[in-house]
Amino acid sequence: MIQIFTTQLSGKMKAIKEKHEEVIEDCSRMIAQSVVSGHSIFLFAVGEMKSVIPQFIDGSDGFTNVNIIETSKDLPTIEDQDTIFIFSPSSHNEAALEMAHALTAVNQAFIAIIGATDKDHADGGLHSLTDLTIQLQTSPMVPTDEGSRVGTPTALLALYVFHCLHLTTVDILTEYECR
């Protein structure tokens, strides 16, 4: 089972890189702009996607000036050069949609990292409220003897995206410093 999981996980990471490379670069430019201007990175995460928060804040590859948004009712003052992320396990997660609607109501752009797009509700989800979306397309990957599947790496793939964002941002900041 571990070999199947590892092979499938590798394939998912490769697909994210290939499908979202430009979006990752655009997101990293926003992060770099926030870092250079001394502005904030705001995170809102739901469920298992909260695993990215410690990496952003305390990880050896973390960012500075990172703030957590707990609920859409407690939106902080957000400035144009701030970067806002919504990490959601699905495109129709109620809390994530509530946050997205609160941000769009104040005309604030955000980046959405989505675990799975709900096939039953392809329209109107989180992905339709922002131009910068990375969809992880997670689902159980390893077949069991009973015919079901297990091993859904939502948090693991979200952390992979974090590292892609961090590495690309470091690249952009290095280029900026060389000018």
Protein backbone atom coordinates (compact mmCIF):
# COMPACT_ATOMS: atom_id res chain seq x y z
CA MET A 1 0.00 0.00 0.00
CA ILE A 2 2.83 2.41 0.78
CA GLN A 3 4.32 2.01 -2.69
CA ILE A 4 0.96 2.72 -4.34
CA PHE A 5 0.45 5.76 -2.09
CA THR A 6 3.95 7.08 -2.83
CA THR A 7 3.52 6.63 -6.58
CA GLN A 8 0.08 8.29 -6.55
CA LEU A 9 1.32 11.13 -4.33
CA SER A 10 4.25 11.77 -6.65
CA GLY A 11 1.83 11.93 -9.57
CA LYS A 12 -0.41 14.41 -7.71
CA MET A 13 2.55 16.67 -6.92
CA LYS A 14 3.70 16.57 -10.53
CA ALA A 15 0.18 17.41 -11.72
CA ILE A 16 -0.04 20.38 -9.34
CA LYS A 17 3.32 21.68 -10.55
CA GLU A 18 2.39 21.31 -14.21
CA LYS A 19 -1.18 22.59 -13.98
CA HIS A 20 -0.62 25.45 -11.53
CA GLU A 21 2.94 26.61 -12.17
CA GLU A 22 1.82 30.02 -13.47
CA VAL A 23 -0.67 30.50 -10.62
CA ILE A 24 2.03 29.59 -8.09
CA GLU A 25 4.27 32.22 -9.65
CA ASP A 26 1.47 34.84 -9.56
CA CYS A 27 0.76 34.01 -5.90
CA SER A 28 4.45 34.22 -5.08
CA ARG A 29 4.65 37.65 -6.69
CA MET A 30 1.85 38.78 -4.37
CA ILE A 31 3.67 37.33 -1.37
CA ALA A 32 6.93 39.00 -2.45
CA GLN A 33 5.12 42.31 -2.81
CA SER A 34 3.76 41.95 0.72
CA VAL A 35 7.19 41.02 2.10
CA VAL A 36 9.06 43.85 0.35
CA SER A 37 6.48 46.48 1.31
CA GLY A 38 6.31 45.30 4.94
CA HIS A 39 2.68 44.28 4.63
CA SER A 40 0.98 41.17 5.97
CA ILE A 41 0.15 37.69 4.82
CA PHE A 42 -3.22 36.61 6.17
CA LEU A 43 -4.22 32.96 6.48
CA PHE A 44 -7.64 31.43 6.88
CA ALA A 45 -7.62 27.63 6.97
CA VAL A 46 -10.31 25.04 7.55
CA GLY A 47 -10.07 21.45 8.81
CA GLU A 48 -6.94 19.53 7.91
CA MET A 49 -5.75 22.47 5.84
CA LYS A 50 -4.85 24.19 9.13
CA SER A 51 -1.65 22.14 8.92
CA VAL A 52 -0.13 24.87 6.74
CA ILE A 53 -0.40 27.51 9.48
CA PRO A 54 2.57 26.29 11.59
CA GLN A 55 4.67 26.00 8.46
CA PHE A 56 3.91 29.60 7.41
CA ILE A 57 4.63 30.93 10.91
CA ASP A 58 7.13 28.64 12.64
CA GLY A 59 8.63 26.55 9.87
CA SER A 60 12.27 26.93 8.96
CA ASP A 61 10.98 28.20 5.61
CA GLY A 62 8.27 30.38 7.12
CA PHE A 63 7.38 33.96 6.27
CA THR A 64 7.43 37.06 8.45
CA ASN A 65 4.38 39.14 9.31
CA VAL A 66 1.90 36.27 9.00
CA ASN A 67 -1.48 36.68 10.69
CA ILE A 68 -4.31 34.22 11.22
CA ILE A 69 -7.93 35.10 10.49
CA GLU A 70 -10.14 32.99 12.72
CA THR A 71 -13.60 33.81 11.32
CA SER A 72 -15.18 35.97 8.66
CA LYS A 73 -16.81 37.99 11.44
CA ASP A 74 -13.37 39.06 12.71
CA LEU A 75 -11.86 40.43 9.50
CA PRO A 76 -8.87 42.62 10.31
CA THR A 77 -8.11 45.80 8.43
CA ILE A 78 -6.65 44.61 5.17
CA GLU A 79 -4.57 46.77 2.88
CA ASP A 80 -4.12 46.40 -0.88
CA GLN A 81 -0.58 45.05 -0.58
CA ASP A 82 -1.53 42.37 1.93
CA THR A 83 -1.82 38.80 0.66
CA ILE A 84 -4.74 36.67 1.81
CA PHE A 85 -4.99 32.88 1.57
CA ILE A 86 -8.01 30.66 2.08
CA PHE A 87 -7.07 27.00 2.55
CA SER A 88 -10.14 24.79 2.26
CA PRO A 89 -10.54 21.01 2.05
CA SER A 90 -13.34 21.45 -0.52
CA SER A 91 -14.69 24.08 -2.85
CA HIS A 92 -18.00 24.24 -1.00
CA ASN A 93 -16.83 24.29 2.60
CA GLU A 94 -19.27 26.55 4.42
CA ALA A 95 -16.69 28.45 6.51
CA ALA A 96 -14.39 28.99 3.53
CA LEU A 97 -17.27 30.26 1.38
CA GLU A 98 -18.37 32.58 4.18
CA MET A 99 -14.83 33.99 4.36
CA ALA A 100 -14.62 34.35 0.58
CA HIS A 101 -17.93 36.23 0.48
CA ALA A 102 -16.80 38.51 3.33
CA LEU A 103 -13.61 39.34 1.42
CA THR A 104 -15.37 39.94 -1.88
CA ALA A 105 -17.89 42.17 -0.07
CA VAL A 106 -15.01 44.51 0.86
CA ASN A 107 -13.52 44.15 -2.63
CA GLN A 108 -10.48 42.22 -1.38
CA ALA A 109 -8.69 39.71 -3.60
CA PHE A 110 -7.57 36.40 -2.12
CA ILE A 111 -5.84 33.17 -3.09
CA ALA A 112 -7.70 29.88 -2.66
CA ILE A 113 -5.99 26.54 -2.12
CA ILE A 114 -8.70 23.88 -2.43
CA GLY A 115 -8.37 20.21 -1.56
CA ALA A 116 -11.19 18.86 -3.71
CA THR A 117 -13.73 20.33 -6.07
CA ASP A 118 -17.15 18.97 -5.24
CA LYS A 119 -18.36 17.18 -8.35
CA ASP A 120 -22.00 17.58 -7.29
CA HIS A 121 -21.57 21.35 -7.08
CA ALA A 122 -19.12 22.26 -9.86
CA ASP A 123 -20.45 25.83 -10.06
CA GLY A 124 -20.56 28.51 -7.41
CA GLY A 125 -17.77 27.16 -5.24
CA LEU A 126 -14.75 28.86 -3.75
CA HIS A 127 -12.89 28.56 -7.05
CA SER A 128 -15.47 30.77 -8.76
CA LEU A 129 -14.86 33.68 -6.36
CA THR A 130 -11.18 34.29 -7.12
CA ASP A 131 -8.84 34.31 -10.08
CA LEU A 132 -5.99 32.69 -8.17
CA THR A 133 -6.94 29.13 -7.28
CA ILE A 134 -4.83 26.04 -6.81
CA GLN A 135 -6.99 22.94 -6.84
CA LEU A 136 -5.26 19.93 -5.34
CA GLN A 137 -7.85 17.44 -6.68
CA THR A 138 -7.45 15.21 -3.65
CA SER A 139 -9.30 11.96 -3.28
CA PRO A 140 -8.57 8.60 -1.64
CA MET A 141 -5.78 7.02 -3.68
CA VAL A 142 -5.06 3.50 -2.44
CA PRO A 143 -7.51 0.67 -3.15
CA THR A 144 -8.34 -1.71 -0.31
CA ASP A 145 -9.24 -5.40 -0.56
CA GLU A 146 -12.89 -4.47 0.06
CA GLY A 147 -12.99 -2.23 -3.02
CA SER A 148 -12.93 1.12 -1.25
CA ARG A 149 -10.05 3.60 -1.30
CA VAL A 150 -8.02 5.18 1.53
CA GLY A 151 -5.16 7.63 1.79
CA THR A 152 -6.37 11.18 1.05
CA PRO A 153 -3.31 13.48 1.27
CA THR A 154 -5.08 16.85 1.45
CA ALA A 155 -2.84 18.34 4.15
CA LEU A 156 0.29 16.86 2.61
CA LEU A 157 -0.47 18.40 -0.79
CA ALA A 158 -1.30 21.74 0.85
CA LEU A 159 2.15 21.66 2.46
CA TYR A 160 3.67 20.84 -0.93
CA VAL A 161 1.97 23.95 -2.35
CA PHE A 162 3.31 25.98 0.57
CA HIS A 163 6.86 24.87 -0.26
CA CYS A 164 6.33 25.63 -3.96
CA LEU A 165 5.11 29.11 -2.98
CA HIS A 166 8.02 29.62 -0.60
CA LEU A 167 10.67 28.52 -3.09
CA THR A 168 9.20 30.65 -5.88
CA THR A 169 8.92 33.65 -3.55
CA VAL A 170 12.56 33.26 -2.48
CA ASP A 171 13.50 33.17 -6.16
CA ILE A 172 11.54 36.38 -6.84
CA LEU A 173 12.99 38.15 -3.79
CA THR A 174 16.52 37.12 -4.74
CA GLU A 175 15.98 38.51 -8.23
CA TYR A 176 14.59 41.74 -6.72
CA GLU A 177 17.60 42.14 -4.42
CA CYS A 178 20.01 41.67 -7.34
CA ARG A 179 18.57 44.67 -9.18
